[in-house]
Amino acid sequence: MSLSIAAFLGVSGRPGTVPVSDITRNAACPAAPSMVPCFWPLVDAQPQGALGDEETEPATSIPAGTTMTLRWKHMSHAWTKNHSTEDVQLHLPIDGRVAYRIGLREHIASKGAAMLIAPGWAFTCQSPPGSLLILCIEGNSLLAELEARQPHAKHAWALRSKVLPAQCLESESFLPSLVDLIEAREPDARREREAGLMGRLAELLIKAPAIARVSALETQRLAALEEWIDAHLSESITIGRMCEVVGVSERRLQQTFETLRGMSPKRWLTERRLAFAHRLLWQRDHNGDVTRVAIEAGFAHLGRFSAQGGFNRSMQHIG
C-alpha cells in the first residue's frame, strides 16, 4: 500500500489522497541525488536551495499559493549551515532532531515540532542525514493577518524565532491543514486552504507566543544600523559607535536587538562577520587565504576568527 503524504508527515486519522510514490514519479519534479518526495506540482518545480543557493543538493521548491512556498530538502550526510532569511520560514524535521543556534542559544526541533525562523534572524542549522520540509511564508502577509486581529494596537507585531512544540501544532490542527493545502489541486481550493492555514499559523504564533510588539521607529533604526554595519564590516565597530549611528542608549540598543534579532548587538555583529567570511570563502576567489578573509570580515587576526568558530564553520562548505 502506498504511503500518503498525510501519513508521511505523521498526520493520523485520515487516509490522504496524494501518495508519496505518485508525487515522486511526477515528471514535473526534477530528478536529484537521493530523490525524495516533493509535493504536488502546482507549477513546474524549480530546483532551489532550501537554506540558500549554495547547497550541494538543491531542494524542490513549489508554490503552495500566492504567499506560501513549500521546499523539500534531503541531506545525504550531516551538515551545518549559517544563514538568515528574508521571508518567514517554518522548518519541519521529517527524520530526526535538528539543532539551531541563534546567538549563543540552542534550539532543538524534533519530528512533530517545528522551528520558526523570523526574517532577518541569523541562525546556524545543524542537521543529521535526512529530510526537512520548509514552509516559506511571505512576511508582510503574515504580519497583516496578525495586525487584523488587533487593529487598534499602538505598536506593530514583530516575529521571534523559536521552536513550536508538537502539542502547539496539534492544538491548532496545523499539520492537517498543511496536508489539505498540499493536496488541493484546484486554484480556488488552494487559495481557500492557504487562507485557512495562514489563520491557523497566526493563532499559533499568538499562543506560543512567537511575537512581540515594537514601534515602527525601532524597526527603522535597526534596519538603518544593519545597513551601516554591512558597509563597515572591515572596520572596528564598538557598541558606542552603534549607539551613535542610530542615536539611542546602550540599554535601548540591547533591548532592540534581543527583541528583533534574538541576540545582543555584539553577537549579531560577530554573526554578520562570520556570514560575510563564509560568502568570501565560498566564492573561491581568495585562494584559501583565510587570514585575508578574516581581516576583510573585520576580525583583527586569524586567532579571533577561529575562536568564534569561523574557520571550521566556513570550511565545511568549501572542502
Protein backbone atom coordinates (compact mmCIF):
# COMPACT_ATOMS: atom_id res chain seq x y z
CA MET A 1 0.00 0.00 0.00
CA SER A 2 1.42 3.39 -0.99
CA LEU A 3 2.26 5.80 1.82
CA SER A 4 0.25 9.02 1.69
CA ILE A 5 1.60 12.50 2.35
CA ALA A 6 -0.59 12.66 5.46
CA ALA A 7 0.98 9.50 6.87
CA PHE A 8 4.45 10.63 5.84
CA LEU A 9 4.03 13.83 7.86
CA GLY A 10 2.66 11.88 10.82
CA VAL A 11 -0.93 13.11 10.48
CA SER A 12 -3.13 10.34 11.82
CA GLY A 13 -6.84 9.74 11.37
CA ARG A 14 -7.06 10.49 7.64
CA PRO A 15 -6.26 8.43 4.56
CA GLY A 16 -4.75 11.20 2.42
CA THR A 17 -5.39 11.37 -1.31
CA VAL A 18 -1.90 12.02 -2.65
CA PRO A 19 0.53 9.12 -2.24
CA VAL A 20 4.22 9.84 -1.86
CA SER A 21 5.13 7.45 -4.67
CA ASP A 22 2.88 9.22 -7.19
CA ILE A 23 4.42 12.60 -6.43
CA THR A 24 7.94 11.21 -6.60
CA ARG A 25 7.27 9.83 -10.08
CA ASN A 26 5.68 13.02 -11.39
CA ALA A 27 7.68 14.30 -14.34
CA ALA A 28 7.40 17.92 -13.20
CA CYS A 29 9.54 17.15 -10.17
CA PRO A 30 13.25 17.49 -11.00
CA ALA A 31 15.40 14.43 -10.50
CA ALA A 32 18.09 14.89 -7.89
CA PRO A 33 20.57 12.72 -5.98
CA SER A 34 18.85 10.69 -3.28
CA MET A 35 15.47 11.67 -4.71
CA VAL A 36 12.87 12.29 -2.03
CA PRO A 37 9.18 13.12 -2.36
CA CYS A 38 8.31 16.60 -3.48
CA PHE A 39 4.81 17.99 -3.36
CA TRP A 40 2.01 18.25 -5.87
CA PRO A 41 3.43 20.37 -8.71
CA LEU A 42 1.12 23.39 -8.79
CA VAL A 43 3.50 24.82 -11.39
CA ASP A 44 6.71 23.41 -12.80
CA ALA A 45 9.01 22.89 -9.84
CA GLN A 46 12.38 24.64 -9.92
CA PRO A 47 15.49 23.46 -8.04
CA GLN A 48 16.35 25.93 -5.31
CA GLY A 49 18.40 25.73 -2.12
CA ALA A 50 16.18 25.27 0.90
CA LEU A 51 18.51 27.27 3.11
CA GLY A 52 20.40 29.15 0.44
CA ASP A 53 21.54 28.66 -3.11
CA GLU A 54 24.92 27.29 -2.02
CA GLU A 55 23.62 23.87 -1.01
CA THR A 56 25.14 20.99 -2.94
CA GLU A 57 21.83 19.10 -3.17
CA PRO A 58 19.11 21.56 -4.28
CA ALA A 59 15.68 21.41 -2.75
CA THR A 60 12.46 21.01 -4.64
CA SER A 61 10.63 24.34 -4.38
CA ILE A 62 6.94 24.51 -5.25
CA PRO A 63 4.49 27.41 -4.81
CA ALA A 64 1.64 26.44 -2.50
CA GLY A 65 -0.48 29.51 -3.17
CA THR A 66 0.08 33.23 -3.58
CA THR A 67 2.00 33.79 -0.33
CA MET A 68 3.45 30.37 0.53
CA THR A 69 6.07 28.06 -0.95
CA LEU A 70 6.94 24.52 0.09
CA ARG A 71 10.55 23.39 -0.02
CA TRP A 72 11.72 19.88 0.48
CA LYS A 73 15.39 19.31 1.26
CA HIS A 74 17.16 15.97 1.54
CA MET A 75 20.58 15.73 3.20
CA SER A 76 22.52 12.57 2.44
CA HIS A 77 25.07 13.50 5.11
CA ALA A 78 25.25 15.61 8.26
CA TRP A 79 25.74 19.30 7.52
CA THR A 80 25.94 22.74 9.10
CA LYS A 81 24.53 25.90 7.56
CA ASN A 82 24.89 29.58 8.52
CA HIS A 83 22.05 31.61 7.16
CA SER A 84 19.40 34.29 7.53
CA THR A 85 16.21 34.66 5.57
CA GLU A 86 14.08 37.47 4.17
CA ASP A 87 10.83 35.53 4.44
CA VAL A 88 9.22 33.66 7.31
CA GLN A 89 10.25 30.01 7.41
CA LEU A 90 8.76 27.11 9.29
CA HIS A 91 11.14 24.13 9.38
CA LEU A 92 9.59 20.70 9.99
CA PRO A 93 12.12 17.88 10.52
CA ILE A 94 10.97 14.62 8.96
CA ASP A 95 13.58 12.10 10.07
CA GLY A 96 15.07 13.37 13.32
CA ARG A 97 16.09 16.27 15.50
CA VAL A 98 17.66 19.40 14.02
CA ALA A 99 19.68 21.82 16.15
CA TYR A 100 19.53 25.57 15.62
CA ARG A 101 21.79 28.13 17.22
CA ILE A 102 20.70 31.75 17.40
CA GLY A 103 23.37 33.84 19.05
CA LEU A 104 24.53 31.74 21.99
CA ARG A 105 21.20 29.96 22.45
CA GLU A 106 20.47 26.49 21.10
CA HIS A 107 17.02 25.37 19.97
CA ILE A 108 16.14 21.75 19.17
CA ALA A 109 13.33 20.83 16.78
CA SER A 110 12.35 17.16 16.66
CA LYS A 111 9.93 15.35 14.37
CA GLY A 112 6.42 16.61 15.05
CA ALA A 113 7.66 20.02 16.17
CA ALA A 114 8.67 22.99 14.03
CA MET A 115 11.28 25.73 14.12
CA LEU A 116 10.00 29.20 13.28
CA ILE A 117 12.66 31.38 11.63
CA ALA A 118 11.81 35.08 11.63
CA PRO A 119 13.01 37.39 8.82
CA GLY A 120 16.46 38.86 9.42
CA TRP A 121 17.40 36.44 12.21
CA ALA A 122 20.85 34.92 11.76
CA PHE A 123 20.97 31.24 12.64
CA THR A 124 23.16 28.18 12.33
CA CYS A 125 21.42 24.92 11.49
CA GLN A 126 23.00 21.53 12.24
CA SER A 127 21.20 18.55 10.80
CA PRO A 128 21.85 14.81 10.62
CA PRO A 129 21.20 12.98 7.34
CA GLY A 130 17.54 13.08 6.48
CA SER A 131 14.76 15.26 5.12
CA LEU A 132 13.49 18.69 6.07
CA LEU A 133 10.23 20.28 4.98
CA ILE A 134 10.28 24.09 4.89
CA LEU A 135 7.17 26.21 4.58
CA CYS A 136 8.12 29.71 3.39
CA ILE A 137 5.59 32.46 4.03
CA GLU A 138 5.63 35.99 2.68
CA GLY A 139 6.30 38.01 5.83
CA ASN A 140 4.06 41.00 5.17
CA SER A 141 1.05 38.76 4.56
CA LEU A 142 1.54 37.00 7.89
CA LEU A 143 2.03 40.29 9.73
CA ALA A 144 -1.11 41.67 8.07
CA GLU A 145 -3.07 38.68 9.38
CA LEU A 146 -1.71 39.32 12.88
CA GLU A 147 -2.45 43.05 12.72
CA ALA A 148 -6.02 42.40 11.57
CA ARG A 149 -6.67 40.52 14.79
CA GLN A 150 -5.75 43.56 16.93
CA PRO A 151 -6.29 46.57 14.64
CA HIS A 152 -6.12 49.27 17.33
CA ALA A 153 -2.85 48.23 18.95
CA LYS A 154 -0.29 51.03 19.44
CA HIS A 155 2.73 49.13 18.10
CA ALA A 156 3.28 46.68 15.27
CA TRP A 157 3.98 42.97 15.57
CA ALA A 158 7.45 41.54 15.18
CA LEU A 159 8.12 37.82 14.78
CA ARG A 160 10.57 35.96 17.00
CA SER A 161 12.38 32.75 16.11
CA LYS A 162 11.59 29.81 18.39
CA VAL A 163 10.65 26.15 18.49
CA LEU A 164 6.93 25.44 18.21
CA PRO A 165 6.35 22.20 20.17
CA ALA A 166 4.34 19.35 18.69
CA GLN A 167 1.46 19.96 21.11
CA CYS A 168 1.15 23.54 19.85
CA LEU A 169 0.90 22.38 16.24
CA GLU A 170 -1.62 19.73 17.25
CA SER A 171 -3.78 22.20 19.19
CA GLU A 172 -4.28 24.29 16.07
CA SER A 173 -4.58 21.30 13.71
CA PHE A 174 -1.72 22.85 11.77
CA LEU A 175 -0.33 19.75 10.04
CA PRO A 176 -3.75 18.52 8.82
CA SER A 177 -4.33 22.00 7.38
CA LEU A 178 -0.93 21.84 5.67
CA VAL A 179 -1.80 18.45 4.18
CA ASP A 180 -5.10 19.94 2.94
CA LEU A 181 -3.14 22.67 1.15
CA ILE A 182 -0.66 20.19 -0.34
CA GLU A 183 -3.47 18.01 -1.65
CA ALA A 184 -5.52 20.85 -3.15
CA ARG A 185 -5.43 20.81 -6.94
CA GLU A 186 -7.90 23.49 -7.98
CA PRO A 187 -6.78 27.16 -7.71
CA ASP A 188 -9.87 28.20 -5.74
CA ALA A 189 -9.37 25.36 -3.28
CA ARG A 190 -5.70 26.23 -2.88
CA ARG A 191 -6.48 29.88 -2.14
CA GLU A 192 -9.13 28.93 0.40
CA ARG A 193 -6.88 26.43 2.17
CA GLU A 194 -3.93 28.81 2.06
CA ALA A 195 -6.01 31.44 3.85
CA GLY A 196 -7.09 28.86 6.40
CA LEU A 197 -3.51 27.78 7.04
CA MET A 198 -2.41 31.43 7.40
CA GLY A 199 -5.09 31.96 10.04
CA ARG A 200 -4.06 28.86 11.97
CA LEU A 201 -0.42 29.93 11.85
CA ALA A 202 -1.29 33.40 13.17
CA GLU A 203 -3.25 31.86 16.03
CA LEU A 204 -0.38 29.50 16.74
CA LEU A 205 2.16 32.34 16.93
CA ILE A 206 -0.05 34.38 19.26
CA LYS A 207 -0.45 31.45 21.67
CA ALA A 208 3.20 30.28 21.53
CA PRO A 209 3.99 33.24 21.82
CA ALA A 210 6.39 33.90 18.98
CA ILE A 211 5.62 37.59 18.51
CA ALA A 212 6.42 40.88 20.23
CA ARG A 213 5.21 44.45 19.94
CA VAL A 214 7.70 47.02 18.64
CA SER A 215 7.46 50.58 17.39
CA ALA A 216 7.99 51.45 13.75
CA LEU A 217 10.86 53.71 14.82
CA GLU A 218 12.70 50.78 16.43
CA THR A 219 12.35 48.74 13.26
CA GLN A 220 13.59 51.62 11.10
CA ARG A 221 16.57 52.28 13.37
CA LEU A 222 17.55 48.62 13.34
CA ALA A 223 17.35 48.44 9.55
CA ALA A 224 19.48 51.57 9.23
CA LEU A 225 22.07 50.21 11.67
CA GLU A 226 22.27 46.84 9.94
CA GLU A 227 22.81 48.55 6.60
CA TRP A 228 25.55 50.71 8.12
CA ILE A 229 27.25 47.70 9.71
CA ASP A 230 27.26 45.78 6.43
CA ALA A 231 29.03 48.72 4.80
CA HIS A 232 31.69 48.93 7.56
CA LEU A 233 32.36 45.28 8.48
CA SER A 234 36.10 45.56 7.92
CA GLU A 235 36.34 48.42 10.43
CA SER A 236 36.47 48.36 14.22
CA ILE A 237 32.86 48.68 15.42
CA THR A 238 32.08 49.26 19.08
CA ILE A 239 28.77 49.34 20.94
CA GLY A 240 29.27 53.06 21.44
CA ARG A 241 29.67 53.58 17.70
CA MET A 242 26.45 51.66 17.05
CA CYS A 243 24.59 53.81 19.58
CA GLU A 244 25.96 56.93 17.92
CA VAL A 245 24.86 55.81 14.44
CA VAL A 246 21.20 55.37 15.43
CA GLY A 247 21.05 57.84 18.32
CA VAL A 248 19.94 55.51 21.13
CA SER A 249 21.32 54.47 24.52
CA GLU A 250 23.21 51.24 25.03
CA ARG A 251 20.31 49.80 27.03
CA ARG A 252 17.85 50.58 24.25
CA LEU A 253 20.17 49.12 21.66
CA GLN A 254 20.48 45.88 23.65
CA GLN A 255 16.71 45.62 24.07
CA THR A 256 16.04 46.20 20.39
CA PHE A 257 18.48 43.52 19.26
CA GLU A 258 17.22 40.99 21.80
CA THR A 259 13.63 41.59 20.68
CA LEU A 260 14.14 41.77 16.93
CA ARG A 261 17.19 39.54 16.41
CA GLY A 262 17.29 37.25 19.44
CA MET A 263 20.83 38.16 20.46
CA SER A 264 23.00 41.04 21.67
CA PRO A 265 24.26 43.61 19.15
CA LYS A 266 27.83 42.42 19.75
CA ARG A 267 26.88 38.81 18.97
CA TRP A 268 24.88 39.90 15.94
CA LEU A 269 27.93 41.77 14.61
CA THR A 270 30.03 38.62 15.02
CA GLU A 271 27.42 36.52 13.19
CA ARG A 272 27.32 39.07 10.39
CA ARG A 273 31.08 38.95 10.03
CA LEU A 274 31.11 35.16 10.04
CA ALA A 275 28.42 35.07 7.35
CA PHE A 276 30.39 37.56 5.24
CA ALA A 277 33.57 35.48 5.63
CA HIS A 278 31.64 32.38 4.65
CA ARG A 279 30.45 34.05 1.44
CA LEU A 280 34.00 35.17 0.58
CA LEU A 281 35.39 31.68 1.10
CA TRP A 282 32.56 30.16 -0.91
CA GLN A 283 33.37 32.39 -3.86
CA ARG A 284 36.80 30.72 -4.02
CA ASP A 285 38.47 33.93 -5.16
CA HIS A 286 40.76 34.16 -2.15
CA ASN A 287 42.76 31.03 -2.96
CA GLY A 288 42.35 29.65 0.54
CA ASP A 289 43.83 32.78 2.14
CA VAL A 290 41.79 32.52 5.34
CA THR A 291 43.77 35.30 7.05
CA ARG A 292 42.88 37.74 4.32
CA VAL A 293 39.21 36.74 4.53
CA ALA A 294 39.21 37.16 8.32
CA ILE A 295 40.65 40.69 8.03
CA GLU A 296 38.17 41.70 5.34
CA ALA A 297 35.36 40.45 7.58
CA GLY A 298 36.56 42.63 10.46
CA PHE A 299 38.42 40.08 12.60
CA ALA A 300 41.68 41.57 13.84
CA HIS A 301 43.58 38.31 13.43
CA LEU A 302 43.02 34.69 12.46
CA GLY A 303 43.03 33.51 16.07
CA ARG A 304 39.93 35.54 16.87
CA PHE A 305 38.21 34.35 13.71
CA SER A 306 38.98 30.74 14.61
CA ALA A 307 37.89 31.24 18.24
CA GLN A 308 34.45 32.31 17.00
CA GLY A 309 34.18 29.10 15.01
CA GLY A 310 34.55 30.95 11.74
CA PHE A 311 37.25 28.79 10.19
CA ASN A 312 35.61 25.44 10.95
CA ARG A 313 32.09 26.59 10.12
CA SER A 314 33.12 28.18 6.82
CA MET A 315 35.41 25.39 5.65
CA GLN A 316 32.59 22.85 5.92
CA HIS A 317 31.10 24.47 2.83
CA ILE A 318 34.19 24.67 0.63
CA GLY A 319 36.01 21.46 1.41
